[in-house]
PDB file of N, CA and C in Angstrom:
ATOM      1  N   MET A   1      -5.803 -19.515 -35.759  1.00  0.00           N
ATOM      2  CA  MET A   1      -6.999 -19.246 -35.063  1.00  0.00           C
ATOM      3  C   MET A   1      -6.860 -17.548 -34.587  1.00  0.00           C
ATOM      4  N   PHE A   2      -5.866 -17.125 -34.705  1.00  0.00           N
ATOM      5  CA  PHE A   2      -5.420 -15.649 -34.372  1.00  0.00           C
ATOM      6  C   PHE A   2      -6.100 -14.881 -35.551  1.00  0.00           C
ATOM      7  N   PHE A   3      -5.683 -15.170 -36.658  1.00  0.00           N
ATOM      8  CA  PHE A   3      -6.145 -14.635 -38.022  1.00  0.00           C
ATOM      9  C   PHE A   3      -7.309 -14.795 -38.419  1.00  0.00           C
ATOM     10  N   LEU A   4      -8.260 -15.739 -37.622  1.00  0.00           N
ATOM     11  CA  LEU A   4      -9.638 -15.815 -38.049  1.00  0.00           C
ATOM     12  C   LEU A   4     -10.591 -14.693 -36.910  1.00  0.00           C
ATOM     13  N   LEU A   5      -9.742 -14.498 -35.958  1.00  0.00           N
ATOM     14  CA  LEU A   5     -10.512 -13.347 -34.955  1.00  0.00           C
ATOM     15  C   LEU A   5      -9.971 -12.203 -35.173  1.00  0.00           C
ATOM     16  N   GLY A   6      -9.264 -11.878 -36.068  1.00  0.00           N
ATOM     17  CA  GLY A   6      -8.775 -10.490 -36.391  1.00  0.00           C
ATOM     18  C   GLY A   6      -7.631 -10.166 -35.177  1.00  0.00           C
ATOM     19  N   GLY A   7      -7.455  -8.822 -35.105  1.00  0.00           N
ATOM     20  CA  GLY A   7      -6.626  -8.321 -34.257  1.00  0.00           C
ATOM     21  C   GLY A   7      -5.017  -8.555 -34.538  1.00  0.00           C
ATOM     22  N   ASN A   8      -4.700  -8.764 -35.855  1.00  0.00           N
ATOM     23  CA  ASN A   8      -3.375  -9.109 -36.260  1.00  0.00           C
ATOM     24  C   ASN A   8      -2.750  -7.675 -36.710  1.00  0.00           C
ATOM     25  N   GLU A   9      -3.488  -6.719 -36.514  1.00  0.00           N
ATOM     26  CA  GLU A   9      -2.650  -5.293 -36.718  1.00  0.00           C
ATOM     27  C   GLU A   9      -1.722  -4.929 -35.667  1.00  0.00           C
ATOM     28  N   ARG A  10      -0.526  -4.667 -35.951  1.00  0.00           N
ATOM     29  CA  ARG A  10       0.472  -4.255 -34.895  1.00  0.00           C
ATOM     30  C   ARG A  10       0.328  -2.851 -34.162  1.00  0.00           C
ATOM     31  N   LYS A  11       0.054  -2.610 -33.113  1.00  0.00           N
ATOM     32  CA  LYS A  11      -0.036  -1.295 -32.262  1.00  0.00           C
ATOM     33  C   LYS A  11       1.297  -0.893 -32.320  1.00  0.00           C
ATOM     34  N   VAL A  12       1.389   0.394 -32.535  1.00  0.00           N
ATOM     35  CA  VAL A  12       2.612   1.169 -32.513  1.00  0.00           C
ATOM     36  C   VAL A  12       2.630   2.237 -31.336  1.00  0.00           C
ATOM     37  N   LYS A  13       3.565   2.136 -30.684  1.00  0.00           N
ATOM     38  CA  LYS A  13       3.352   3.276 -29.367  1.00  0.00           C
ATOM     39  C   LYS A  13       3.969   4.510 -29.988  1.00  0.00           C
ATOM     40  N   LYS A  14       3.367   5.773 -29.413  1.00  0.00           N
ATOM     41  CA  LYS A  14       3.749   6.919 -30.110  1.00  0.00           C
ATOM     42  C   LYS A  14       5.091   7.357 -29.102  1.00  0.00           C
ATOM     43  N   PRO A  15       6.217   7.820 -29.689  1.00  0.00           N
ATOM     44  CA  PRO A  15       7.068   8.328 -28.755  1.00  0.00           C
ATOM     45  C   PRO A  15       7.025   9.528 -27.774  1.00  0.00           C
ATOM     46  N   ALA A  16       7.529   9.489 -26.782  1.00  0.00           N
ATOM     47  CA  ALA A  16       7.147  10.548 -25.679  1.00  0.00           C
ATOM     48  C   ALA A  16       7.731  11.732 -26.061  1.00  0.00           C
ATOM     49  N   PRO A  17       7.058  12.965 -26.010  1.00  0.00           N
ATOM     50  CA  PRO A  17       7.291  14.178 -26.088  1.00  0.00           C
ATOM     51  C   PRO A  17       8.262  14.978 -25.099  1.00  0.00           C
ATOM     52  N   GLN A  18       9.195  14.233 -25.178  1.00  0.00           N
ATOM     53  CA  GLN A  18      10.399  14.608 -23.942  1.00  0.00           C
ATOM     54  C   GLN A  18      11.223  15.783 -24.689  1.00  0.00           C
ATOM     55  N   ALA A  19      11.988  15.562 -25.738  1.00  0.00           N
ATOM     56  CA  ALA A  19      12.879  16.396 -26.264  1.00  0.00           C
ATOM     57  C   ALA A  19      12.535  17.874 -26.631  1.00  0.00           C
ATOM     58  N   GLU A  20      11.255  18.077 -26.829  1.00  0.00           N
ATOM     59  CA  GLU A  20      11.044  19.388 -26.904  1.00  0.00           C
ATOM     60  C   GLU A  20      10.951  20.231 -25.856  1.00  0.00           C
ATOM     61  N   ASN A  21      11.002  19.707 -24.774  1.00  0.00           N
ATOM     62  CA  ASN A  21      11.007  20.703 -23.598  1.00  0.00           C
ATOM     63  C   ASN A  21      12.543  20.766 -22.867  1.00  0.00           C
ATOM     64  N   MET A  22      13.442  19.864 -23.444  1.00  0.00           N
ATOM     65  CA  MET A  22      14.698  19.659 -22.828  1.00  0.00           C
ATOM     66  C   MET A  22      15.468  21.146 -22.719  1.00  0.00           C
ATOM     67  N   ASP A  23      15.412  22.110 -23.942  1.00  0.00           N
ATOM     68  CA  ASP A  23      16.183  23.297 -23.799  1.00  0.00           C
ATOM     69  C   ASP A  23      15.461  24.233 -22.595  1.00  0.00           C
ATOM     70  N   LYS A  24      14.335  24.134 -22.433  1.00  0.00           N
ATOM     71  CA  LYS A  24      13.554  25.103 -21.663  1.00  0.00           C
ATOM     72  C   LYS A  24      14.032  24.714 -20.355  1.00  0.00           C
ATOM     73  N   VAL A  25      14.113  23.378 -19.986  1.00  0.00           N
ATOM     74  CA  VAL A  25      14.316  22.727 -18.765  1.00  0.00           C
ATOM     75  C   VAL A  25      15.875  22.895 -18.391  1.00  0.00           C
ATOM     76  N   LYS A  26      16.705  22.781 -19.236  1.00  0.00           N
ATOM     77  CA  LYS A  26      18.170  23.078 -18.969  1.00  0.00           C
ATOM     78  C   LYS A  26      18.189  24.661 -18.683  1.00  0.00           C
ATOM     79  N   GLU A  27      17.606  25.525 -19.323  1.00  0.00           N
ATOM     80  CA  GLU A  27      17.738  26.828 -19.112  1.00  0.00           C
ATOM     81  C   GLU A  27      17.538  27.034 -17.589  1.00  0.00           C
ATOM     82  N   LEU A  28      16.001  26.704 -17.258  1.00  0.00           N
ATOM     83  CA  LEU A  28      15.477  26.745 -15.877  1.00  0.00           C
ATOM     84  C   LEU A  28      16.673  26.174 -14.780  1.00  0.00           C
ATOM     85  N   PHE A  29      16.935  25.099 -14.901  1.00  0.00           N
ATOM     86  CA  PHE A  29      18.118  24.490 -14.206  1.00  0.00           C
ATOM     87  C   PHE A  29      19.410  25.208 -13.994  1.00  0.00           C
ATOM     88  N   LEU A  30      20.079  25.627 -15.284  1.00  0.00           N
ATOM     89  CA  LEU A  30      21.109  26.355 -15.187  1.00  0.00           C
ATOM     90  C   LEU A  30      20.958  27.898 -14.480  1.00  0.00           C
ATOM     91  N   SER A  31      19.866  28.650 -14.587  1.00  0.00           N
ATOM     92  CA  SER A  31      19.475  29.826 -13.835  1.00  0.00           C
ATOM     93  C   SER A  31      19.125  29.489 -12.526  1.00  0.00           C
ATOM     94  N   GLY A  32      19.057  28.596 -11.973  1.00  0.00           N
ATOM     95  CA  GLY A  32      18.822  28.569 -10.516  1.00  0.00           C
ATOM     96  C   GLY A  32      17.173  28.592 -10.319  1.00  0.00           C
ATOM     97  N   LYS A  33      16.465  28.432 -11.331  1.00  0.00           N
ATOM     98  CA  LYS A  33      14.983  28.472 -10.983  1.00  0.00           C
ATOM     99  C   LYS A  33      14.181  27.194 -10.894  1.00  0.00           C
ATOM    100  N   PHE A  34      15.031  26.256 -11.357  1.00  0.00           N
ATOM    101  CA  PHE A  34      14.493  24.652 -10.855  1.00  0.00           C
ATOM    102  C   PHE A  34      15.475  23.906 -10.141  1.00  0.00           C
ATOM    103  N   PRO A  35      15.431  24.070  -8.918  1.00  0.00           N
ATOM    104  CA  PRO A  35      16.453  23.511  -8.062  1.00  0.00           C
ATOM    105  C   PRO A  35      16.260  21.785  -7.884  1.00  0.00           C
ATOM    106  N   VAL A  36      17.264  21.108  -7.929  1.00  0.00           N
ATOM    107  CA  VAL A  36      17.311  19.666  -7.703  1.00  0.00           C
ATOM    108  C   VAL A  36      18.378  19.603  -6.422  1.00  0.00           C
ATOM    109  N   VAL A  37      17.770  19.033  -5.420  1.00  0.00           N
ATOM    110  CA  VAL A  37      18.610  19.021  -4.213  1.00  0.00           C
ATOM    111  C   VAL A  37      18.442  17.410  -3.533  1.00  0.00           C
ATOM    112  N   THR A  38      19.588  17.056  -2.783  1.00  0.00           N
ATOM    113  CA  THR A  38      19.598  15.743  -2.335  1.00  0.00           C
ATOM    114  C   THR A  38      18.686  15.538  -1.078  1.00  0.00           C
ATOM    115  N   THR A  39      18.607  16.550  -0.313  1.00  0.00           N
ATOM    116  CA  THR A  39      17.927  16.782   0.816  1.00  0.00           C
ATOM    117  C   THR A  39      16.454  16.459   0.687  1.00  0.00           C
ATOM    118  N   GLU A  40      15.870  16.114   1.809  1.00  0.00           N
ATOM    119  CA  GLU A  40      14.103  15.950   1.935  1.00  0.00           C
ATOM    120  C   GLU A  40      13.467  17.293   2.089  1.00  0.00           C
ATOM    121  N   PHE A  41      14.174  18.430   1.790  1.00  0.00           N
ATOM    122  CA  PHE A  41      13.559  19.738   1.868  1.00  0.00           C
ATOM    123  C   PHE A  41      14.365  20.803   1.162  1.00  0.00           C
ATOM    124  N   LEU A  42      13.878  21.903   1.248  1.00  0.00           N
ATOM    125  CA  LEU A  42      14.562  23.083   0.458  1.00  0.00           C
ATOM    126  C   LEU A  42      14.459  24.255   1.585  1.00  0.00           C
ATOM    127  N   GLU A  43      15.755  24.524   2.006  1.00  0.00           N
ATOM    128  CA  GLU A  43      15.588  25.641   3.062  1.00  0.00           C
ATOM    129  C   GLU A  43      14.736  26.893   2.674  1.00  0.00           C
ATOM    130  N   GLY A  44      13.952  27.210   3.580  1.00  0.00           N
ATOM    131  CA  GLY A  44      13.076  28.532   3.506  1.00  0.00           C
ATOM    132  C   GLY A  44      11.930  28.306   2.706  1.00  0.00           C
ATOM    133  N   ARG A  45      11.642  26.914   2.130  1.00  0.00           N
ATOM    134  CA  ARG A  45      10.546  26.795   1.224  1.00  0.00           C
ATOM    135  C   ARG A  45       9.532  25.777   1.889  1.00  0.00           C
ATOM    136  N   LYS A  46       8.395  25.900   2.091  1.00  0.00           N
ATOM    137  CA  LYS A  46       7.342  24.922   2.567  1.00  0.00           C
ATOM    138  C   LYS A  46       6.724  24.113   1.707  1.00  0.00           C
ATOM    139  N   LEU A  47       6.840  22.620   1.530  1.00  0.00           N
ATOM    140  CA  LEU A  47       6.356  21.870   0.352  1.00  0.00           C
ATOM    141  C   LEU A  47       4.548  22.087   0.865  1.00  0.00           C
ATOM    142  N   GLU A  48       3.945  22.294  -0.543  1.00  0.00           N
ATOM    143  CA  GLU A  48       2.579  22.246  -0.826  1.00  0.00           C
ATOM    144  C   GLU A  48       2.008  20.762  -1.057  1.00  0.00           C
ATOM    145  N   LYS A  49       2.556  20.330  -2.251  1.00  0.00           N
ATOM    146  CA  LYS A  49       2.206  19.123  -2.965  1.00  0.00           C
ATOM    147  C   LYS A  49       3.372  18.273  -3.264  1.00  0.00           C
ATOM    148  N   VAL A  50       3.261  17.121  -3.054  1.00  0.00           N
ATOM    149  CA  VAL A  50       4.371  15.961  -3.555  1.00  0.00           C
ATOM    150  C   VAL A  50       3.486  15.385  -4.922  1.00  0.00           C
ATOM    151  N   LEU A  51       4.371  15.539  -6.155  1.00  0.00           N
ATOM    152  CA  LEU A  51       3.725  15.000  -7.265  1.00  0.00           C
ATOM    153  C   LEU A  51       4.054  13.789  -7.594  1.00  0.00           C
ATOM    154  N   GLY A  52       5.251  13.172  -6.936  1.00  0.00           N
ATOM    155  CA  GLY A  52       5.492  11.678  -7.163  1.00  0.00           C
ATOM    156  C   GLY A  52       6.868  11.841  -7.550  1.00  0.00           C
ATOM    157  N   LEU A  53       7.420  10.329  -7.967  1.00  0.00           N
ATOM    158  CA  LEU A  53       8.707   9.851  -8.264  1.00  0.00           C
ATOM    159  C   LEU A  53       8.891  10.202  -9.681  1.00  0.00           C
ATOM    160  N   VAL A  54      10.175  10.641 -10.003  1.00  0.00           N
ATOM    161  CA  VAL A  54      10.218  10.865 -11.431  1.00  0.00           C
ATOM    162  C   VAL A  54      11.853  10.393 -11.582  1.00  0.00           C
ATOM    163  N   VAL A  55      11.736   9.412 -12.750  1.00  0.00           N
ATOM    164  CA  VAL A  55      13.105   8.702 -13.268  1.00  0.00           C
ATOM    165  C   VAL A  55      13.289   8.713 -14.537  1.00  0.00           C
ATOM    166  N   CYS A  56      14.490   8.795 -14.842  1.00  0.00           N
ATOM    167  CA  CYS A  56      15.109   8.668 -16.259  1.00  0.00           C
ATOM    168  C   CYS A  56      16.225   7.979 -16.192  1.00  0.00           C
ATOM    169  N   ARG A  57      16.500   7.227 -17.363  1.00  0.00           N
ATOM    170  CA  ARG A  57      17.651   6.233 -17.529  1.00  0.00           C
ATOM    171  C   ARG A  57      18.351   6.737 -18.959  1.00  0.00           C
ATOM    172  N   GLY A  58      19.401   6.468 -18.950  1.00  0.00           N
ATOM    173  CA  GLY A  58      20.317   6.725 -20.351  1.00  0.00           C
ATOM    174  C   GLY A  58      21.591   6.547 -20.397  1.00  0.00           C
ATOM    175  N   TYR A  59      22.316   6.324 -21.378  1.00  0.00           N
ATOM    176  CA  TYR A  59      23.775   6.087 -21.750  1.00  0.00           C
ATOM    177  C   TYR A  59      24.551   7.180 -21.403  1.00  0.00           C
ATOM    178  N   ASP A  60      23.878   8.399 -21.319  1.00  0.00           N
ATOM    179  CA  ASP A  60      24.673   9.550 -21.191  1.00  0.00           C
ATOM    180  C   ASP A  60      24.115  10.415 -19.855  1.00  0.00           C
ATOM    181  N   SER A  61      24.984  10.737 -18.945  1.00  0.00           N
ATOM    182  CA  SER A  61      24.704  11.322 -17.660  1.00  0.00           C
ATOM    183  C   SER A  61      23.589  12.625 -17.792  1.00  0.00           C
ATOM    184  N   GLU A  62      23.928  13.487 -18.625  1.00  0.00           N
ATOM    185  CA  GLU A  62      23.240  14.727 -18.958  1.00  0.00           C
ATOM    186  C   GLU A  62      21.932  14.487 -19.447  1.00  0.00           C
ATOM    187  N   GLU A  63      21.696  13.515 -20.364  1.00  0.00           N
ATOM    188  CA  GLU A  63      20.204  12.785 -20.932  1.00  0.00           C
ATOM    189  C   GLU A  63      19.630  12.162 -19.751  1.00  0.00           C
ATOM    190  N   ALA A  64      20.034  11.503 -18.911  1.00  0.00           N
ATOM    191  CA  ALA A  64      19.401  11.095 -17.642  1.00  0.00           C
ATOM    192  C   ALA A  64      18.958  12.090 -16.687  1.00  0.00           C
ATOM    193  N   PHE A  65      19.797  13.045 -16.355  1.00  0.00           N
ATOM    194  CA  PHE A  65      19.338  13.977 -15.613  1.00  0.00           C
ATOM    195  C   PHE A  65      18.252  15.067 -16.131  1.00  0.00           C
ATOM    196  N   PHE A  66      18.402  15.722 -17.314  1.00  0.00           N
ATOM    197  CA  PHE A  66      17.798  16.471 -17.799  1.00  0.00           C
ATOM    198  C   PHE A  66      16.593  16.038 -18.323  1.00  0.00           C
ATOM    199  N   GLY A  67      16.423  14.534 -18.610  1.00  0.00           N
ATOM    200  CA  GLY A  67      15.150  13.775 -18.993  1.00  0.00           C
ATOM    201  C   GLY A  67      14.129  13.604 -17.585  1.00  0.00           C
ATOM    202  N   MET A  68      14.964  13.445 -16.606  1.00  0.00           N
ATOM    203  CA  MET A  68      14.213  13.331 -15.055  1.00  0.00           C
ATOM    204  C   MET A  68      13.712  14.836 -14.771  1.00  0.00           C
ATOM    205  N   ALA A  69      14.468  15.965 -15.191  1.00  0.00           N
ATOM    206  CA  ALA A  69      14.048  17.269 -14.867  1.00  0.00           C
ATOM    207  C   ALA A  69      12.678  17.588 -15.672  1.00  0.00           C
ATOM    208  N   VAL A  70      12.737  17.189 -16.840  1.00  0.00           N
ATOM    209  CA  VAL A  70      11.606  17.645 -17.976  1.00  0.00           C
ATOM    210  C   VAL A  70      10.309  16.707 -17.626  1.00  0.00           C
ATOM    211  N   ARG A  71      10.635  15.473 -17.147  1.00  0.00           N
ATOM    212  CA  ARG A  71       9.568  14.581 -16.608  1.00  0.00           C
ATOM    213  C   ARG A  71       8.771  15.514 -15.183  1.00  0.00           C
ATOM    214  N   ALA A  72       9.786  15.955 -14.574  1.00  0.00           N
ATOM    215  CA  ALA A  72       9.306  16.868 -13.278  1.00  0.00           C
ATOM    216  C   ALA A  72       8.480  18.102 -13.823  1.00  0.00           C
ATOM    217  N   VAL A  73       9.143  18.970 -14.866  1.00  0.00           N
ATOM    218  CA  VAL A  73       8.414  19.981 -15.277  1.00  0.00           C
ATOM    219  C   VAL A  73       7.221  19.707 -15.839  1.00  0.00           C
ATOM    220  N   ASN A  74       6.823  18.426 -16.452  1.00  0.00           N
ATOM    221  CA  ASN A  74       5.724  18.288 -17.427  1.00  0.00           C
ATOM    222  C   ASN A  74       4.605  17.895 -16.147  1.00  0.00           C
ATOM    223  N   LYS A  75       4.805  17.267 -15.145  1.00  0.00           N
ATOM    224  CA  LYS A  75       4.095  17.062 -14.046  1.00  0.00           C
ATOM    225  C   LYS A  75       3.642  18.499 -13.304  1.00  0.00           C
ATOM    226  N   GLY A  76       4.289  19.493 -13.399  1.00  0.00           N
ATOM    227  CA  GLY A  76       3.862  20.866 -12.878  1.00  0.00           C
ATOM    228  C   GLY A  76       5.114  21.187 -11.830  1.00  0.00           C
ATOM    229  N   ALA A  77       5.989  20.381 -11.615  1.00  0.00           N
ATOM    230  CA  ALA A  77       6.834  20.426 -10.285  1.00  0.00           C
ATOM    231  C   ALA A  77       7.903  21.723 -10.520  1.00  0.00           C
ATOM    232  N   GLN A  78       8.027  22.343  -9.292  1.00  0.00           N
ATOM    233  CA  GLN A  78       8.702  23.312  -9.078  1.00  0.00           C
ATOM    234  C   GLN A  78      10.186  23.239  -8.705  1.00  0.00           C
ATOM    235  N   ALA A  79      10.508  22.147  -8.392  1.00  0.00           N
ATOM    236  CA  ALA A  79      11.720  21.305  -7.878  1.00  0.00           C
ATOM    237  C   ALA A  79      11.526  19.744  -7.641  1.00  0.00           C
ATOM    238  N   ILE A  80      12.967  19.428  -7.514  1.00  0.00           N
ATOM    239  CA  ILE A  80      13.052  17.993  -7.312  1.00  0.00           C
ATOM    240  C   ILE A  80      13.749  17.814  -5.899  1.00  0.00           C
ATOM    241  N   ILE A  81      13.356  17.203  -5.132  1.00  0.00           N
ATOM    242  CA  ILE A  81      13.954  16.777  -3.696  1.00  0.00           C
ATOM    243  C   ILE A  81      14.206  15.204  -3.659  1.00  0.00           C
ATOM    244  N   GLY A  82      15.338  15.093  -2.744  1.00  0.00           N
ATOM    245  CA  GLY A  82      15.494  13.746  -2.577  1.00  0.00           C
ATOM    246  C   GLY A  82      16.281  13.148  -3.847  1.00  0.00           C
ATOM    247  N   TYR A  83      17.066  13.863  -4.620  1.00  0.00           N
ATOM    248  CA  TYR A  83      17.729  13.341  -5.812  1.00  0.00           C
ATOM    249  C   TYR A  83      18.906  12.465  -5.542  1.00  0.00           C
ATOM    250  N   LYS A  84      18.910  11.411  -6.280  1.00  0.00           N
ATOM    251  CA  LYS A  84      19.820  10.356  -6.260  1.00  0.00           C
ATOM    252  C   LYS A  84      20.125   9.941  -7.561  1.00  0.00           C
ATOM    253  N   GLU A  85      21.289   9.217  -7.822  1.00  0.00           N
ATOM    254  CA  GLU A  85      21.749   8.792  -9.069  1.00  0.00           C
ATOM    255  C   GLU A  85      22.639   7.521  -8.948  1.00  0.00           C
ATOM    256  N   ASN A  86      22.527   6.734 -10.234  1.00  0.00           N
ATOM    257  CA  ASN A  86      23.241   5.262  -9.853  1.00  0.00           C
ATOM    258  C   ASN A  86      23.809   5.056 -11.294  1.00  0.00           C
ATOM    259  N   VAL A  87      24.841   4.395 -11.328  1.00  0.00           N
ATOM    260  CA  VAL A  87      25.783   3.992 -12.658  1.00  0.00           C
ATOM    261  C   VAL A  87      26.107   2.605 -12.697  1.00  0.00           C
ATOM    262  N   ALA A  88      25.397   2.190 -13.843  1.00  0.00           N
ATOM    263  CA  ALA A  88      25.685   0.625 -13.811  1.00  0.00           C
ATOM    264  C   ALA A  88      26.928   0.578 -14.930  1.00  0.00           C
ATOM    265  N   PHE A  89      27.713  -0.375 -14.802  1.00  0.00           N
ATOM    266  CA  PHE A  89      28.826  -0.624 -15.578  1.00  0.00           C
ATOM    267  C   PHE A  89      28.688  -1.890 -16.380  1.00  0.00           C
ATOM    268  N   HIS A  90      28.566  -1.924 -17.531  1.00  0.00           N
ATOM    269  CA  HIS A  90      28.423  -3.183 -18.263  1.00  0.00           C
ATOM    270  C   HIS A  90      29.778  -3.541 -18.707  1.00  0.00           C
ATOM    271  N   PRO A  91      29.852  -5.034 -19.021  1.00  0.00           N
ATOM    272  CA  PRO A  91      31.009  -5.761 -19.273  1.00  0.00           C
ATOM    273  C   PRO A  91      31.433  -5.141 -20.665  1.00  0.00           C
ATOM    274  N   ASP A  92      30.825  -4.477 -21.589  1.00  0.00           N
ATOM    275  CA  ASP A  92      31.344  -4.196 -22.799  1.00  0.00           C
ATOM    276  C   ASP A  92      32.081  -2.762 -22.773  1.00  0.00           C
ATOM    277  N   GLY A  93      31.960  -2.151 -21.444  1.00  0.00           N
ATOM    278  CA  GLY A  93      32.727  -0.816 -21.181  1.00  0.00           C
ATOM    279  C   GLY A  93      31.596   0.169 -21.234  1.00  0.00           C
ATOM    280  N   SER A  94      30.358   0.073 -21.498  1.00  0.00           N
ATOM    281  CA  SER A  94      29.445   1.065 -21.475  1.00  0.00           C
ATOM    282  C   SER A  94      28.922   1.293 -20.051  1.00  0.00           C
ATOM    283  N   LYS A  95      28.242   2.687 -19.819  1.00  0.00           N
ATOM    284  CA  LYS A  95      27.785   3.021 -18.355  1.00  0.00           C
ATOM    285  C   LYS A  95      26.380   3.256 -18.725  1.00  0.00           C
ATOM    286  N   PHE A  96      25.410   2.756 -17.839  1.00  0.00           N
ATOM    287  CA  PHE A  96      24.079   3.149 -18.051  1.00  0.00           C
ATOM    288  C   PHE A  96      23.744   3.928 -16.664  1.00  0.00           C
ATOM    289  N   PHE A  97      23.149   5.284 -16.824  1.00  0.00           N
ATOM    290  CA  PHE A  97      22.944   6.128 -15.820  1.00  0.00           C
ATOM    291  C   PHE A  97      21.333   6.178 -15.424  1.00  0.00           C
ATOM    292  N   SER A  98      21.075   5.931 -14.189  1.00  0.00           N
ATOM    293  CA  SER A  98      19.786   6.416 -13.576  1.00  0.00           C
ATOM    294  C   SER A  98      19.575   7.505 -12.616  1.00  0.00           C
ATOM    295  N   CYS A  99      18.650   8.291 -12.932  1.00  0.00           N
ATOM    296  CA  CYS A  99      18.618   9.380 -11.993  1.00  0.00           C
ATOM    297  C   CYS A  99      17.005   9.492 -11.448  1.00  0.00           C
ATOM    298  N   TYR A 100      16.896   9.803 -10.323  1.00  0.00           N
ATOM    299  CA  TYR A 100      15.521   9.653  -9.887  1.00  0.00           C
ATOM    300  C   TYR A 100      15.335  10.835  -8.529  1.00  0.00           C
ATOM    301  N   GLY A 101      14.302  11.165  -8.215  1.00  0.00           N
ATOM    302  CA  GLY A 101      13.968  11.974  -7.318  1.00  0.00           C
ATOM    303  C   GLY A 101      12.590  12.383  -7.213  1.00  0.00           C
ATOM    304  N   THR A 102      12.142  13.202  -6.296  1.00  0.00           N
ATOM    305  CA  THR A 102      10.596  13.592  -5.799  1.00  0.00           C
ATOM    306  C   THR A 102      10.212  14.822  -6.557  1.00  0.00           C
ATOM    307  N   ALA A 103       9.297  15.067  -7.380  1.00  0.00           N
ATOM    308  CA  ALA A 103       9.035  15.947  -7.948  1.00  0.00           C
ATOM    309  C   ALA A 103       7.914  16.872  -6.877  1.00  0.00           C
ATOM    310  N   VAL A 104       8.166  18.133  -6.771  1.00  0.00           N
ATOM    311  CA  VAL A 104       7.356  18.883  -5.711  1.00  0.00           C
ATOM    312  C   VAL A 104       6.891  20.133  -6.003  1.00  0.00           C
ATOM    313  N   GLN A 105       5.835  20.641  -5.293  1.00  0.00           N
ATOM    314  CA  GLN A 105       5.395  21.918  -5.556  1.00  0.00           C
ATOM    315  C   GLN A 105       5.507  22.689  -4.256  1.00  0.00           C
ATOM    316  N   PHE A 106       5.701  24.028  -4.098  1.00  0.00           N
ATOM    317  CA  PHE A 106       5.814  24.704  -2.967  1.00  0.00           C
ATOM    318  C   PHE A 106       4.767  25.456  -2.877  1.00  0.00           C
ATOM    319  N   GLU A 107       4.457  26.034  -1.352  1.00  0.00           N
ATOM    320  CA  GLU A 107       3.526  27.004  -0.894  1.00  0.00           C
ATOM    321  C   GLU A 107       3.955  28.281  -1.714  1.00  0.00           C
ATOM    322  N   LEU A 108       2.899  29.169  -1.975  1.00  0.00           N
ATOM    323  CA  LEU A 108       3.222  30.511  -2.419  1.00  0.00           C
ATOM    324  C   LEU A 108       3.550  31.133  -1.211  1.00  0.00           C
ATOM    325  N   PRO A 109       4.530  32.268  -1.019  1.00  0.00           N
ATOM    326  CA  PRO A 109       4.785  33.069   0.157  1.00  0.00           C
ATOM    327  C   PRO A 109       3.534  34.087   0.157  1.00  0.00           C
ATOM    328  N   GLN A 110       3.195  34.149   1.512  1.00  0.00           N
ATOM    329  CA  GLN A 110       2.101  35.220   1.740  1.00  0.00           C
ATOM    330  C   GLN A 110       2.756  36.572   2.011  1.00  0.00           C
ATOM    331  N   ARG A 111       2.339  37.387   1.108  1.00  0.00           N
ATOM    332  CA  ARG A 111       2.938  38.581   1.182  1.00  0.00           C
ATOM    333  C   ARG A 111       2.136  39.625   2.337  1.00  0.00           C
ATOM    334  N   ASN A 112       1.137  39.502   2.220  1.00  0.00           N
ATOM    335  CA  ASN A 112       0.337  40.615   2.956  1.00  0.00           C
ATOM    336  C   ASN A 112      -0.275  40.133   4.246  1.00  0.00           C
ATOM    337  N   ARG A 113       0.553  39.446   5.098  1.00  0.00           N
ATOM    338  CA  ARG A 113       0.005  38.730   6.427  1.00  0.00           C
ATOM    339  C   ARG A 113      -0.237  40.027   7.226  1.00  0.00           C
ATOM    340  N   ARG A 114      -1.359  39.987   8.144  1.00  0.00           N
ATOM    341  CA  ARG A 114      -1.894  40.888   9.030  1.00  0.00           C
ATOM    342  C   ARG A 114      -1.579  40.265  10.271  1.00  0.00           C
ATOM    343  N   LEU A 115      -0.882  40.874  11.001  1.00  0.00           N
ATOM    344  CA  LEU A 115      -0.539  40.449  12.549  1.00  0.00           C
ATOM    345  C   LEU A 115      -1.840  40.740  13.473  1.00  0.00           C
ATOM    346  N   GLU A 116      -2.002  39.899  14.015  1.00  0.00           N
ATOM    347  CA  GLU A 116      -3.303  40.130  14.955  1.00  0.00           C
ATOM    348  C   GLU A 116      -2.828  40.590  16.407  1.00  0.00           C
ATOM    349  N   PRO A 117      -3.594  41.458  16.884  1.00  0.00           N
ATOM    350  CA  PRO A 117      -3.067  41.956  18.219  1.00  0.00           C
ATOM    351  C   PRO A 117      -3.070  40.933  19.208  1.00  0.00           C
ATOM    352  N   LEU A 118      -2.140  41.073  19.970  1.00  0.00           N
ATOM    353  CA  LEU A 118      -2.326  40.251  21.207  1.00  0.00           C
ATOM    354  C   LEU A 118      -3.168  40.809  22.044  1.00  0.00           C
ATOM    355  N   GLN A 119      -3.880  39.372  22.540  1.00  0.00           N
ATOM    356  CA  GLN A 119      -4.790  39.830  23.776  1.00  0.00           C
ATOM    357  C   GLN A 119      -4.335  39.399  25.001  1.00  0.00           C
ATOM    358  N   ALA A 120      -4.653  40.538  25.973  1.00  0.00           N
ATOM    359  CA  ALA A 120      -4.114  40.559  27.335  1.00  0.00           C
ATOM    360  C   ALA A 120      -5.208  39.901  28.367  1.00  0.00           C
TER     361      ALA A 120
END
């Protein structure tokens, strides 16, 4: 019956374009321009927008960590807060890493603030 109605073509998913930004994100993180912190805030910076949870899993800790960072940068994030990681050990001796956190954007600092005179 399935063949009579059609729909027997296989649908193939396109691979995610994650690897192309990996070097850029590594450079951002290693130069200190993309912070990843375990706390719920970053000292001296005020949150403007929460972009959501970013997660990546892999058999290599670096692949999982930077994969998570790539997903955050692709969303437009300036940092990841609340970072956590988990390692699962399998009976065959392999490890499976999970990294996750919240992608956020910060308020731009106001440079030319005018001070209002005090009213007496």
